[in-house]
């Protein structure tokens, strides 16, 4: 699990360098929050739907989507399966978390496959409410001095 976690954090930094898109005045993102992640430069939203990659893992695809009003770009924030977070609890730097796609109920996932489109490391959606593994765990980092993850805060 540690090697998967290490690989996963690299993908989070490279692929998702994101801003939280949500209403509110920089209130904390909490356990159970429904969020959208937007790429800091392109503003594309982290998006998934029931279409599998044709190569690589052949799991559900995850891409960047340009529209901000897309219903397939919502994710629910959870703690790791073996250490669930408390609903409403905040996340500090370095926190382990999982993101569950609201429509398909699959987890944002990473592993050793290359993306069929970019040849970078593939990110997919995998599992179900009751099926999750170490490839679904992401580690939260940001550059600001904020003590907890906040809406509209850039995470890396």
Protein backbone atom coordinates (compact mmCIF):
# COMPACT_ATOMS: atom_id res chain seq x y z
CA UNK A 1 0.00 0.00 0.00
CA UNK A 2 2.84 2.43 0.70
CA UNK A 3 4.25 2.15 -2.80
CA UNK A 4 0.79 2.67 -4.32
CA UNK A 5 0.23 5.64 -2.00
CA UNK A 6 3.56 7.17 -3.04
CA UNK A 7 2.76 6.78 -6.72
CA UNK A 8 -0.72 8.15 -6.15
CA UNK A 9 0.53 11.35 -4.53
CA UNK A 10 2.71 12.03 -7.58
CA UNK A 11 -0.31 11.76 -9.86
CA UNK A 12 -2.30 14.07 -7.58
CA UNK A 13 0.41 16.70 -7.85
CA UNK A 14 0.92 16.36 -11.60
CA UNK A 15 -2.59 15.60 -12.84
CA UNK A 16 -4.96 17.27 -10.45
CA UNK A 17 -3.13 20.46 -9.49
CA UNK A 18 -6.56 21.85 -8.73
CA UNK A 19 -8.78 24.42 -7.12
CA UNK A 20 -11.94 23.54 -5.25
CA UNK A 21 -14.99 24.94 -7.01
CA UNK A 22 -17.74 25.42 -4.50
CA UNK A 23 -19.94 28.12 -3.05
CA UNK A 24 -18.91 29.77 0.17
CA UNK A 25 -16.36 32.15 1.60
CA UNK A 26 -13.35 29.85 1.93
CA UNK A 27 -15.02 27.60 4.45
CA UNK A 28 -13.36 24.26 5.15
CA UNK A 29 -13.90 21.26 2.91
CA UNK A 30 -15.14 18.59 5.30
CA UNK A 31 -15.60 14.83 5.38
CA UNK A 32 -18.72 14.11 3.33
CA UNK A 33 -18.49 17.33 1.27
CA UNK A 34 -19.51 17.10 -2.37
CA UNK A 35 -16.95 18.99 -4.45
CA UNK A 36 -15.70 19.68 -7.96
CA UNK A 37 -11.97 19.81 -8.65
CA UNK A 38 -10.84 22.21 -11.38
CA UNK A 39 -7.39 22.24 -12.97
CA UNK A 40 -5.69 25.49 -11.91
CA UNK A 41 -4.65 26.53 -15.44
CA UNK A 42 -7.20 25.05 -17.88
CA UNK A 43 -10.17 25.17 -15.42
CA UNK A 44 -11.21 21.71 -16.70
CA UNK A 45 -13.21 19.81 -14.08
CA UNK A 46 -12.21 16.33 -12.91
CA UNK A 47 -14.88 14.28 -14.70
CA UNK A 48 -15.96 10.66 -15.02
CA UNK A 49 -18.82 8.67 -16.53
CA UNK A 50 -19.55 5.04 -17.36
CA UNK A 51 -17.09 4.76 -20.24
CA UNK A 52 -14.10 2.46 -19.77
CA UNK A 53 -10.62 3.00 -21.18
CA UNK A 54 -10.15 0.81 -24.25
CA UNK A 55 -6.59 -0.09 -23.18
CA UNK A 56 -4.58 0.01 -19.96
CA UNK A 57 -6.68 -0.84 -16.91
CA UNK A 58 -9.94 -0.85 -18.89
CA UNK A 59 -11.51 0.75 -15.83
CA UNK A 60 -13.90 3.72 -15.90
CA UNK A 61 -12.22 6.72 -17.52
CA UNK A 62 -11.45 9.96 -15.68
CA UNK A 63 -10.74 13.08 -17.71
CA UNK A 64 -10.80 16.86 -17.57
CA UNK A 65 -14.09 18.40 -18.77
CA UNK A 66 -14.34 22.08 -19.77
CA UNK A 67 -17.92 22.80 -18.67
CA UNK A 68 -18.50 24.00 -15.12
CA UNK A 69 -22.15 22.89 -15.00
CA UNK A 70 -21.50 19.20 -15.69
CA UNK A 71 -23.22 16.76 -13.30
CA UNK A 72 -20.53 14.09 -13.93
CA UNK A 73 -17.86 16.19 -12.19
CA UNK A 74 -19.05 15.87 -8.57
CA UNK A 75 -16.99 13.89 -6.03
CA UNK A 76 -17.68 13.13 -2.35
CA UNK A 77 -14.75 13.40 0.08
CA UNK A 78 -14.20 10.36 2.35
CA UNK A 79 -11.41 9.13 4.60
CA UNK A 80 -9.53 5.89 3.89
CA UNK A 81 -11.53 2.67 4.19
CA UNK A 82 -9.50 1.51 7.19
CA UNK A 83 -9.59 4.94 8.90
CA UNK A 84 -12.89 6.65 8.03
CA UNK A 85 -13.18 10.36 8.68
CA UNK A 86 -15.85 11.84 10.93
CA UNK A 87 -18.65 13.50 8.90
CA UNK A 88 -18.10 17.25 9.06
CA UNK A 89 -14.47 16.83 10.16
CA UNK A 90 -11.79 18.92 8.44
CA UNK A 91 -8.66 17.77 6.58
CA UNK A 92 -5.12 18.90 7.44
CA UNK A 93 -2.09 18.88 5.15
CA UNK A 94 -0.96 15.34 4.50
CA UNK A 95 -4.38 13.85 5.24
CA UNK A 96 -5.23 10.62 3.45
CA UNK A 97 -8.58 10.73 1.66
CA UNK A 98 -10.66 9.11 -1.06
CA UNK A 99 -12.89 10.78 -3.64
CA UNK A 100 -16.06 8.96 -4.72
CA UNK A 101 -17.78 9.86 -7.98
CA UNK A 102 -21.35 10.81 -7.08
CA UNK A 103 -23.06 9.31 -10.14
CA UNK A 104 -21.23 5.98 -10.59
CA UNK A 105 -20.15 5.52 -6.92
CA UNK A 106 -16.61 4.55 -8.05
CA UNK A 107 -13.44 5.82 -6.36
CA UNK A 108 -10.83 8.07 -7.99
CA UNK A 109 -8.07 5.50 -8.54
CA UNK A 110 -4.47 5.27 -9.67
CA UNK A 111 -2.16 2.37 -10.47
CA UNK A 112 0.74 1.42 -12.74
CA UNK A 113 -1.04 1.66 -16.12
CA UNK A 114 -0.24 4.37 -18.66
CA UNK A 115 -3.02 6.56 -19.99
CA UNK A 116 -4.08 5.50 -23.50
CA UNK A 117 -4.33 9.18 -24.46
CA UNK A 118 -1.25 10.83 -22.94
CA UNK A 119 1.00 7.92 -21.92
CA UNK A 120 1.23 9.58 -18.47
CA UNK A 121 0.14 7.55 -15.48
CA UNK A 122 -3.51 6.57 -15.85
CA UNK A 123 -6.12 7.80 -13.39
CA UNK A 124 -9.41 5.91 -13.42
CA UNK A 125 -12.53 5.30 -11.36
CA UNK A 126 -12.74 1.90 -9.69
CA UNK A 127 -14.68 -0.11 -7.14
CA UNK A 128 -18.01 0.58 -5.46
CA UNK A 129 -19.42 1.63 -2.10
CA UNK A 130 -18.05 -1.59 -0.58
CA UNK A 131 -15.01 -2.17 -2.80
CA UNK A 132 -11.95 0.05 -2.37
CA UNK A 133 -8.20 -0.48 -2.19
CA UNK A 134 -4.94 1.42 -1.64
CA UNK A 135 -5.02 2.82 -5.19
CA UNK A 136 -8.02 4.92 -4.10
CA UNK A 137 -6.11 6.74 -1.34
CA UNK A 138 -4.80 10.24 -2.11
CA UNK A 139 -2.72 12.53 0.11
CA UNK A 140 -3.72 16.16 0.47
CA UNK A 141 -1.14 18.94 0.01
CA UNK A 142 -1.29 22.69 -0.63
CA UNK A 143 1.12 25.62 -0.74
CA UNK A 144 -0.72 28.18 1.40
CA UNK A 145 -0.34 28.51 5.17
CA UNK A 146 -3.95 27.43 5.77
CA UNK A 147 -4.26 24.89 8.59
CA UNK A 148 -7.15 22.99 6.96
CA UNK A 149 -8.34 22.36 3.38
CA UNK A 150 -10.59 25.24 2.32
CA UNK A 151 -12.96 25.77 -0.58
CA UNK A 152 -11.37 27.59 -3.51
CA UNK A 153 -7.94 26.74 -2.08
CA UNK A 154 -5.38 25.43 -4.53
CA UNK A 155 -4.29 21.87 -3.72
CA UNK A 156 -1.34 20.06 -5.25
